[in-house]
């Protein structure tokens, strides 16, 4: 069975840091740590500085360190506006 995906976009002042399909994203928000899958209820929240984990559509996990910002979650799209982002090794 194919995994459902959503479109993930991470935007910094310098431009687009990441965009593409994802199966899951996990981040720290003002409401606590949350995980987002396709079909998530719509919501907006404040992004807290910390790790941001992505499970890409191909099944490969990647992680980044994000600064503060805003998150908009829609059923088929997750948009992250952050002050800065850096890939973790």
PDB file of N, CA and C in Angstrom:
ATOM      1  N   UNK A   1       0.841  -1.184   0.000  1.00  0.00           N
ATOM      2  CA  UNK A   1       0.000   0.000   0.000  1.00  0.00           C
ATOM      3  C   UNK A   1       0.884   1.245   0.000  1.00  0.00           C
ATOM      4  N   UNK A   2       0.577   2.172  -0.873  1.00  0.00           N
ATOM      5  CA  UNK A   2       1.355   3.407  -0.965  1.00  0.00           C
ATOM      6  C   UNK A   2       1.056   4.310   0.217  1.00  0.00           C
ATOM      7  N   UNK A   3       2.089   4.966   0.701  1.00  0.00           N
ATOM      8  CA  UNK A   3       1.909   5.897   1.805  1.00  0.00           C
ATOM      9  C   UNK A   3       1.360   7.215   1.284  1.00  0.00           C
ATOM     10  N   UNK A   4       0.469   7.815   2.047  1.00  0.00           N
ATOM     11  CA  UNK A   4      -0.073   9.114   1.672  1.00  0.00           C
ATOM     12  C   UNK A   4       0.984  10.175   1.945  1.00  0.00           C
ATOM     13  N   UNK A   5       1.067  11.142   1.060  1.00  0.00           N
ATOM     14  CA  UNK A   5       2.044  12.214   1.213  1.00  0.00           C
ATOM     15  C   UNK A   5       1.343  13.567   1.214  1.00  0.00           C
ATOM     16  N   UNK A   6       2.076  14.569   1.668  1.00  0.00           N
ATOM     17  CA  UNK A   6       1.636  15.951   1.599  1.00  0.00           C
ATOM     18  C   UNK A   6       2.813  16.766   1.084  1.00  0.00           C
ATOM     19  N   UNK A   7       2.553  17.983   0.639  1.00  0.00           N
ATOM     20  CA  UNK A   7       3.617  18.851   0.143  1.00  0.00           C
ATOM     21  C   UNK A   7       4.176  19.646   1.307  1.00  0.00           C
ATOM     22  N   UNK A   8       5.492  19.586   1.471  1.00  0.00           N
ATOM     23  CA  UNK A   8       6.178  20.297   2.546  1.00  0.00           C
ATOM     24  C   UNK A   8       7.040  21.401   1.945  1.00  0.00           C
ATOM     25  N   UNK A   9       6.915  22.588   2.516  1.00  0.00           N
ATOM     26  CA  UNK A   9       7.719  23.734   2.076  1.00  0.00           C
ATOM     27  C   UNK A   9       8.279  24.430   3.312  1.00  0.00           C
ATOM     28  N   UNK A  10       9.611  24.554   3.353  1.00  0.00           N
ATOM     29  CA  UNK A  10      10.284  25.272   4.436  1.00  0.00           C
ATOM     30  C   UNK A  10      10.939  26.499   3.809  1.00  0.00           C
ATOM     31  N   UNK A  11      10.536  27.675   4.284  1.00  0.00           N
ATOM     32  CA  UNK A  11      11.004  28.930   3.698  1.00  0.00           C
ATOM     33  C   UNK A  11      11.758  29.746   4.748  1.00  0.00           C
ATOM     34  N   UNK A  12      12.956  30.220   4.369  1.00  0.00           N
ATOM     35  CA  UNK A  12      13.800  31.085   5.208  1.00  0.00           C
ATOM     36  C   UNK A  12      13.884  32.459   4.542  1.00  0.00           C
ATOM     37  N   UNK A  13      14.406  33.448   5.229  1.00  0.00           N
ATOM     38  CA  UNK A  13      14.581  34.756   4.594  1.00  0.00           C
ATOM     39  C   UNK A  13      15.439  34.684   3.312  1.00  0.00           C
ATOM     40  N   UNK A  14      16.367  33.735   3.265  1.00  0.00           N
ATOM     41  CA  UNK A  14      17.246  33.589   2.095  1.00  0.00           C
ATOM     42  C   UNK A  14      16.559  32.912   0.917  1.00  0.00           C
ATOM     43  N   UNK A  15      15.428  32.260   1.168  1.00  0.00           N
ATOM     44  CA  UNK A  15      14.714  31.564   0.098  1.00  0.00           C
ATOM     45  C   UNK A  15      14.181  30.223   0.574  1.00  0.00           C
ATOM     46  N   UNK A  16      13.856  29.361  -0.381  1.00  0.00           N
ATOM     47  CA  UNK A  16      13.298  28.051  -0.061  1.00  0.00           C
ATOM     48  C   UNK A  16      14.415  27.121   0.405  1.00  0.00           C
ATOM     49  N   UNK A  17      14.254  26.587   1.621  1.00  0.00           N
ATOM     50  CA  UNK A  17      15.224  25.656   2.199  1.00  0.00           C
ATOM     51  C   UNK A  17      14.914  24.228   1.759  1.00  0.00           C
ATOM     52  N   UNK A  18      13.632  23.882   1.713  1.00  0.00           N
ATOM     53  CA  UNK A  18      13.203  22.547   1.279  1.00  0.00           C
ATOM     54  C   UNK A  18      11.803  22.643   0.711  1.00  0.00           C
ATOM     55  N   UNK A  19      11.553  21.860  -0.349  1.00  0.00           N
ATOM     56  CA  UNK A  19      10.199  21.691  -0.842  1.00  0.00           C
ATOM     57  C   UNK A  19      10.103  20.338  -1.525  1.00  0.00           C
ATOM     58  N   UNK A  20       9.002  19.670  -1.257  1.00  0.00           N
ATOM     59  CA  UNK A  20       8.794  18.368  -1.863  1.00  0.00           C
ATOM     60  C   UNK A  20       7.806  17.542  -1.073  1.00  0.00           C
ATOM     61  N   UNK A  21       7.522  16.322  -1.571  1.00  0.00           N
ATOM     62  CA  UNK A  21       6.574  15.459  -0.884  1.00  0.00           C
ATOM     63  C   UNK A  21       7.177  14.856   0.378  1.00  0.00           C
ATOM     64  N   UNK A  22       6.346  14.684   1.389  1.00  0.00           N
ATOM     65  CA  UNK A  22       6.777  14.079   2.651  1.00  0.00           C
ATOM     66  C   UNK A  22       5.669  13.179   3.170  1.00  0.00           C
ATOM     67  N   UNK A  23       6.067  12.160   3.916  1.00  0.00           N
ATOM     68  CA  UNK A  23       5.117  11.263   4.559  1.00  0.00           C
ATOM     69  C   UNK A  23       4.795  11.779   5.957  1.00  0.00           C
ATOM     70  N   UNK A  24       5.825  12.347   6.634  1.00  0.00           N
ATOM     71  CA  UNK A  24       5.640  12.835   8.000  1.00  0.00           C
ATOM     72  C   UNK A  24       6.649  13.931   8.287  1.00  0.00           C
ATOM     73  N   UNK A  25       6.264  14.871   9.134  1.00  0.00           N
ATOM     74  CA  UNK A  25       7.176  15.904   9.627  1.00  0.00           C
ATOM     75  C   UNK A  25       6.925  16.043  11.127  1.00  0.00           C
ATOM     76  N   UNK A  26       8.013  16.197  11.862  1.00  0.00           N
ATOM     77  CA  UNK A  26       7.918  16.328  13.313  1.00  0.00           C
ATOM     78  C   UNK A  26       8.695  17.558  13.744  1.00  0.00           C
ATOM     79  N   UNK A  27       8.079  18.382  14.614  1.00  0.00           N
ATOM     80  CA  UNK A  27       8.693  19.642  14.998  1.00  0.00           C
ATOM     81  C   UNK A  27       8.263  20.064  16.398  1.00  0.00           C
ATOM     82  N   UNK A  28       8.974  21.027  16.941  1.00  0.00           N
ATOM     83  CA  UNK A  28       8.641  21.599  18.247  1.00  0.00           C
ATOM     84  C   UNK A  28       7.901  22.913  18.019  1.00  0.00           C
ATOM     85  N   UNK A  29       6.706  23.011  18.614  1.00  0.00           N
ATOM     86  CA  UNK A  29       5.901  24.228  18.489  1.00  0.00           C
ATOM     87  C   UNK A  29       5.621  24.787  19.875  1.00  0.00           C
ATOM     88  N   UNK A  30       4.970  25.924  19.911  1.00  0.00           N
ATOM     89  CA  UNK A  30       4.586  26.521  21.194  1.00  0.00           C
ATOM     90  C   UNK A  30       3.595  25.640  21.942  1.00  0.00           C
ATOM     91  N   UNK A  31       2.931  24.739  21.234  1.00  0.00           N
ATOM     92  CA  UNK A  31       1.966  23.813  21.838  1.00  0.00           C
ATOM     93  C   UNK A  31       2.619  22.492  22.236  1.00  0.00           C
ATOM     94  N   UNK A  32       3.915  22.335  21.970  1.00  0.00           N
ATOM     95  CA  UNK A  32       4.616  21.084  22.241  1.00  0.00           C
ATOM     96  C   UNK A  32       5.090  20.451  20.950  1.00  0.00           C
ATOM     97  N   UNK A  33       5.622  19.262  21.051  1.00  0.00           N
ATOM     98  CA  UNK A  33       6.117  18.555  19.871  1.00  0.00           C
ATOM     99  C   UNK A  33       4.936  17.940  19.133  1.00  0.00           C
ATOM    100  N   UNK A  34       4.890  18.146  17.803  1.00  0.00           N
ATOM    101  CA  UNK A  34       3.801  17.587  17.014  1.00  0.00           C
ATOM    102  C   UNK A  34       4.352  16.849  15.805  1.00  0.00           C
ATOM    103  N   UNK A  35       3.570  15.906  15.330  1.00  0.00           N
ATOM    104  CA  UNK A  35       3.865  15.194  14.097  1.00  0.00           C
ATOM    105  C   UNK A  35       2.738  15.444  13.112  1.00  0.00           C
ATOM    106  N   UNK A  36       3.092  15.631  11.865  1.00  0.00           N
ATOM    107  CA  UNK A  36       2.100  15.947  10.843  1.00  0.00           C
ATOM    108  C   UNK A  36       2.139  14.875   9.758  1.00  0.00           C
ATOM    109  N   UNK A  37       0.972  14.336   9.427  1.00  0.00           N
ATOM    110  CA  UNK A  37       0.783  13.395   8.328  1.00  0.00           C
ATOM    111  C   UNK A  37      -0.220  13.997   7.357  1.00  0.00           C
ATOM    112  N   UNK A  38      -0.330  13.427   6.166  1.00  0.00           N
ATOM    113  CA  UNK A  38      -1.337  13.866   5.198  1.00  0.00           C
ATOM    114  C   UNK A  38      -2.716  13.752   5.843  1.00  0.00           C
ATOM    115  N   UNK A  39      -3.556  14.730   5.598  1.00  0.00           N
ATOM    116  CA  UNK A  39      -4.903  14.732   6.147  1.00  0.00           C
ATOM    117  C   UNK A  39      -5.018  15.362   7.524  1.00  0.00           C
ATOM    118  N   UNK A  40      -3.932  15.942   8.024  1.00  0.00           N
ATOM    119  CA  UNK A  40      -3.951  16.600   9.344  1.00  0.00           C
ATOM    120  C   UNK A  40      -4.981  17.725   9.340  1.00  0.00           C
ATOM    121  N   UNK A  41      -5.600  17.952  10.490  1.00  0.00           N
ATOM    122  CA  UNK A  41      -6.565  19.049  10.580  1.00  0.00           C
ATOM    123  C   UNK A  41      -5.842  20.383  10.362  1.00  0.00           C
ATOM    124  N   UNK A  42      -6.494  21.356   9.757  1.00  0.00           N
ATOM    125  CA  UNK A  42      -5.868  22.661   9.557  1.00  0.00           C
ATOM    126  C   UNK A  42      -5.578  23.349  10.881  1.00  0.00           C
ATOM    127  N   UNK A  43      -4.400  23.934  10.979  1.00  0.00           N
ATOM    128  CA  UNK A  43      -4.038  24.724  12.156  1.00  0.00           C
ATOM    129  C   UNK A  43      -2.806  25.563  11.853  1.00  0.00           C
ATOM    130  N   UNK A  44      -2.612  26.590  12.640  1.00  0.00           N
ATOM    131  CA  UNK A  44      -1.396  27.395  12.577  1.00  0.00           C
ATOM    132  C   UNK A  44      -0.820  27.432  13.991  1.00  0.00           C
ATOM    133  N   UNK A  45       0.502  27.501  14.080  1.00  0.00           N
ATOM    134  CA  UNK A  45       1.133  27.583  15.391  1.00  0.00           C
ATOM    135  C   UNK A  45       2.512  28.222  15.264  1.00  0.00           C
ATOM    136  N   UNK A  46       3.057  28.574  16.402  1.00  0.00           N
ATOM    137  CA  UNK A  46       4.405  29.145  16.456  1.00  0.00           C
ATOM    138  C   UNK A  46       5.421  28.018  16.482  1.00  0.00           C
ATOM    139  N   UNK A  47       6.451  28.139  15.671  1.00  0.00           N
ATOM    140  CA  UNK A  47       7.540  27.179  15.634  1.00  0.00           C
ATOM    141  C   UNK A  47       8.588  27.591  16.654  1.00  0.00           C
ATOM    142  N   UNK A  48       8.969  26.659  17.515  1.00  0.00           N
ATOM    143  CA  UNK A  48      10.026  26.893  18.492  1.00  0.00           C
ATOM    144  C   UNK A  48      11.355  26.428  17.893  1.00  0.00           C
ATOM    145  N   UNK A  49      12.463  27.038  18.291  1.00  0.00           N
ATOM    146  CA  UNK A  49      13.761  26.572  17.793  1.00  0.00           C
ATOM    147  C   UNK A  49      14.004  25.120  18.208  1.00  0.00           C
ATOM    148  N   UNK A  50      14.526  24.328  17.273  1.00  0.00           N
ATOM    149  CA  UNK A  50      14.819  22.940  17.586  1.00  0.00           C
ATOM    150  C   UNK A  50      14.866  22.068  16.357  1.00  0.00           C
ATOM    151  N   UNK A  51      14.928  20.754  16.572  1.00  0.00           N
ATOM    152  CA  UNK A  51      15.029  19.820  15.449  1.00  0.00           C
ATOM    153  C   UNK A  51      13.722  19.715  14.669  1.00  0.00           C
ATOM    154  N   UNK A  52      13.860  19.479  13.387  1.00  0.00           N
ATOM    155  CA  UNK A  52      12.731  19.290  12.476  1.00  0.00           C
ATOM    156  C   UNK A  52      13.034  18.025  11.685  1.00  0.00           C
ATOM    157  N   UNK A  53      12.232  16.982  11.878  1.00  0.00           N
ATOM    158  CA  UNK A  53      12.473  15.695  11.227  1.00  0.00           C
ATOM    159  C   UNK A  53      11.491  15.498  10.084  1.00  0.00           C
ATOM    160  N   UNK A  54      12.005  14.990   8.975  1.00  0.00           N
ATOM    161  CA  UNK A  54      11.185  14.749   7.787  1.00  0.00           C
ATOM    162  C   UNK A  54      11.371  13.299   7.361  1.00  0.00           C
ATOM    163  N   UNK A  55      10.252  12.607   7.124  1.00  0.00           N
ATOM    164  CA  UNK A  55      10.304  11.329   6.435  1.00  0.00           C
ATOM    165  C   UNK A  55       9.833  11.621   5.023  1.00  0.00           C
ATOM    166  N   UNK A  56      10.764  11.537   4.083  1.00  0.00           N
ATOM    167  CA  UNK A  56      10.448  11.853   2.698  1.00  0.00           C
ATOM    168  C   UNK A  56       9.625  10.742   2.061  1.00  0.00           C
ATOM    169  N   UNK A  57       9.027  11.051   0.942  1.00  0.00           N
ATOM    170  CA  UNK A  57       8.183  10.096   0.231  1.00  0.00           C
ATOM    171  C   UNK A  57       8.954   8.838  -0.152  1.00  0.00           C
ATOM    172  N   UNK A  58      10.256   8.937  -0.383  1.00  0.00           N
ATOM    173  CA  UNK A  58      11.072   7.786  -0.751  1.00  0.00           C
ATOM    174  C   UNK A  58      11.463   6.953   0.468  1.00  0.00           C
ATOM    175  N   UNK A  59      11.016   7.355   1.673  1.00  0.00           N
ATOM    176  CA  UNK A  59      11.314   6.608   2.883  1.00  0.00           C
ATOM    177  C   UNK A  59      12.597   7.013   3.574  1.00  0.00           C
ATOM    178  N   UNK A  60      13.296   7.985   3.059  1.00  0.00           N
ATOM    179  CA  UNK A  60      14.555   8.440   3.646  1.00  0.00           C
ATOM    180  C   UNK A  60      14.275   9.528   4.679  1.00  0.00           C
ATOM    181  N   UNK A  61      14.855   9.383   5.869  1.00  0.00           N
ATOM    182  CA  UNK A  61      14.696  10.378   6.930  1.00  0.00           C
ATOM    183  C   UNK A  61      15.792  11.429   6.821  1.00  0.00           C
ATOM    184  N   UNK A  62      15.429  12.689   7.025  1.00  0.00           N
ATOM    185  CA  UNK A  62      16.400  13.779   7.100  1.00  0.00           C
ATOM    186  C   UNK A  62      16.004  14.670   8.270  1.00  0.00           C
ATOM    187  N   UNK A  63      16.979  15.371   8.826  1.00  0.00           N
ATOM    188  CA  UNK A  63      16.719  16.268   9.953  1.00  0.00           C
ATOM    189  C   UNK A  63      17.414  17.599   9.738  1.00  0.00           C
ATOM    190  N   UNK A  64      16.782  18.636  10.227  1.00  0.00           N
ATOM    191  CA  UNK A  64      17.340  19.979  10.163  1.00  0.00           C
ATOM    192  C   UNK A  64      17.148  20.636  11.521  1.00  0.00           C
ATOM    193  N   UNK A  65      17.901  21.658  11.756  1.00  0.00           N
ATOM    194  CA  UNK A  65      17.749  22.483  12.955  1.00  0.00           C
ATOM    195  C   UNK A  65      17.122  23.792  12.486  1.00  0.00           C
ATOM    196  N   UNK A  66      15.931  24.102  12.997  1.00  0.00           N
ATOM    197  CA  UNK A  66      15.222  25.305  12.596  1.00  0.00           C
ATOM    198  C   UNK A  66      15.186  26.315  13.724  1.00  0.00           C
ATOM    199  N   UNK A  67      15.185  27.580  13.343  1.00  0.00           N
ATOM    200  CA  UNK A  67      15.007  28.662  14.308  1.00  0.00           C
ATOM    201  C   UNK A  67      13.511  28.928  14.453  1.00  0.00           C
ATOM    202  N   UNK A  68      13.149  29.944  15.220  1.00  0.00           N
ATOM    203  CA  UNK A  68      11.741  30.237  15.452  1.00  0.00           C
ATOM    204  C   UNK A  68      11.055  30.660  14.156  1.00  0.00           C
ATOM    205  N   UNK A  69       9.718  30.542  14.182  1.00  0.00           N
ATOM    206  CA  UNK A  69       8.947  30.917  13.007  1.00  0.00           C
ATOM    207  C   UNK A  69       7.479  30.574  13.171  1.00  0.00           C
ATOM    208  N   UNK A  70       6.831  30.317  12.046  1.00  0.00           N
ATOM    209  CA  UNK A  70       5.407  30.014  11.999  1.00  0.00           C
ATOM    210  C   UNK A  70       5.177  28.765  11.164  1.00  0.00           C
ATOM    211  N   UNK A  71       4.113  28.031  11.502  1.00  0.00           N
ATOM    212  CA  UNK A  71       3.754  26.812  10.786  1.00  0.00           C
ATOM    213  C   UNK A  71       2.285  26.903  10.380  1.00  0.00           C
ATOM    214  N   UNK A  72       2.000  26.603   9.116  1.00  0.00           N
ATOM    215  CA  UNK A  72       0.622  26.489   8.644  1.00  0.00           C
ATOM    216  C   UNK A  72       0.424  25.059   8.172  1.00  0.00           C
ATOM    217  N   UNK A  73      -0.529  24.373   8.789  1.00  0.00           N
ATOM    218  CA  UNK A  73      -0.814  22.984   8.443  1.00  0.00           C
ATOM    219  C   UNK A  73      -2.173  22.927   7.753  1.00  0.00           C
ATOM    220  N   UNK A  74      -2.184  22.345   6.565  1.00  0.00           N
ATOM    221  CA  UNK A  74      -3.406  22.073   5.819  1.00  0.00           C
ATOM    222  C   UNK A  74      -3.425  20.579   5.522  1.00  0.00           C
ATOM    223  N   UNK A  75      -4.558  20.003   5.145  1.00  0.00           N
ATOM    224  CA  UNK A  75      -4.606  18.557   4.937  1.00  0.00           C
ATOM    225  C   UNK A  75      -3.589  18.019   3.929  1.00  0.00           C
ATOM    226  N   UNK A  76      -3.239  18.792   2.915  1.00  0.00           N
ATOM    227  CA  UNK A  76      -2.303  18.314   1.899  1.00  0.00           C
ATOM    228  C   UNK A  76      -1.056  19.178   1.749  1.00  0.00           C
ATOM    229  N   UNK A  77      -0.839  20.121   2.689  1.00  0.00           N
ATOM    230  CA  UNK A  77       0.328  20.992   2.585  1.00  0.00           C
ATOM    231  C   UNK A  77       0.757  21.473   3.973  1.00  0.00           C
ATOM    232  N   UNK A  78       2.059  21.506   4.187  1.00  0.00           N
ATOM    233  CA  UNK A  78       2.651  22.052   5.407  1.00  0.00           C
ATOM    234  C   UNK A  78       3.633  23.133   4.988  1.00  0.00           C
ATOM    235  N   UNK A  79       3.404  24.349   5.449  1.00  0.00           N
ATOM    236  CA  UNK A  79       4.290  25.465   5.152  1.00  0.00           C
ATOM    237  C   UNK A  79       4.941  25.926   6.441  1.00  0.00           C
ATOM    238  N   UNK A  80       6.267  26.013   6.418  1.00  0.00           N
ATOM    239  CA  UNK A  80       7.037  26.462   7.572  1.00  0.00           C
ATOM    240  C   UNK A  80       7.780  27.730   7.175  1.00  0.00           C
ATOM    241  N   UNK A  81       7.551  28.808   7.912  1.00  0.00           N
ATOM    242  CA  UNK A  81       8.296  30.052   7.724  1.00  0.00           C
ATOM    243  C   UNK A  81       9.214  30.182   8.931  1.00  0.00           C
ATOM    244  N   UNK A  82      10.521  30.151   8.699  1.00  0.00           N
ATOM    245  CA  UNK A  82      11.479  30.151   9.796  1.00  0.00           C
ATOM    246  C   UNK A  82      12.566  31.193   9.581  1.00  0.00           C
ATOM    247  N   UNK A  83      13.128  31.671  10.674  1.00  0.00           N
ATOM    248  CA  UNK A  83      14.206  32.665  10.616  1.00  0.00           C
ATOM    249  C   UNK A  83      15.520  32.065  10.116  1.00  0.00           C
ATOM    250  N   UNK A  84      15.634  30.745  10.138  1.00  0.00           N
ATOM    251  CA  UNK A  84      16.852  30.101   9.652  1.00  0.00           C
ATOM    252  C   UNK A  84      16.757  28.597   9.773  1.00  0.00           C
ATOM    253  N   UNK A  85      17.504  27.899   8.926  1.00  0.00           N
ATOM    254  CA  UNK A  85      17.501  26.442   8.922  1.00  0.00           C
ATOM    255  C   UNK A  85      18.857  25.920   8.484  1.00  0.00           C
ATOM    256  N   UNK A  86      19.238  24.777   9.061  1.00  0.00           N
ATOM    257  CA  UNK A  86      20.511  24.162   8.719  1.00  0.00           C
ATOM    258  C   UNK A  86      20.325  22.651   8.809  1.00  0.00           C
ATOM    259  N   UNK A  87      20.816  21.920   7.795  1.00  0.00           N
ATOM    260  CA  UNK A  87      20.716  20.464   7.810  1.00  0.00           C
ATOM    261  C   UNK A  87      21.595  19.890   8.897  1.00  0.00           C
ATOM    262  N   UNK A  88      21.116  18.866   9.585  1.00  0.00           N
ATOM    263  CA  UNK A  88      21.916  18.150  10.573  1.00  0.00           C
ATOM    264  C   UNK A  88      22.662  17.030   9.868  1.00  0.00           C
ATOM    265  N   UNK A  89      23.814  16.693  10.404  1.00  0.00           N
ATOM    266  CA  UNK A  89      24.604  15.621   9.783  1.00  0.00           C
ATOM    267  C   UNK A  89      24.257  14.297  10.360  1.00  0.00           C
TER     268      UNK A  89
END
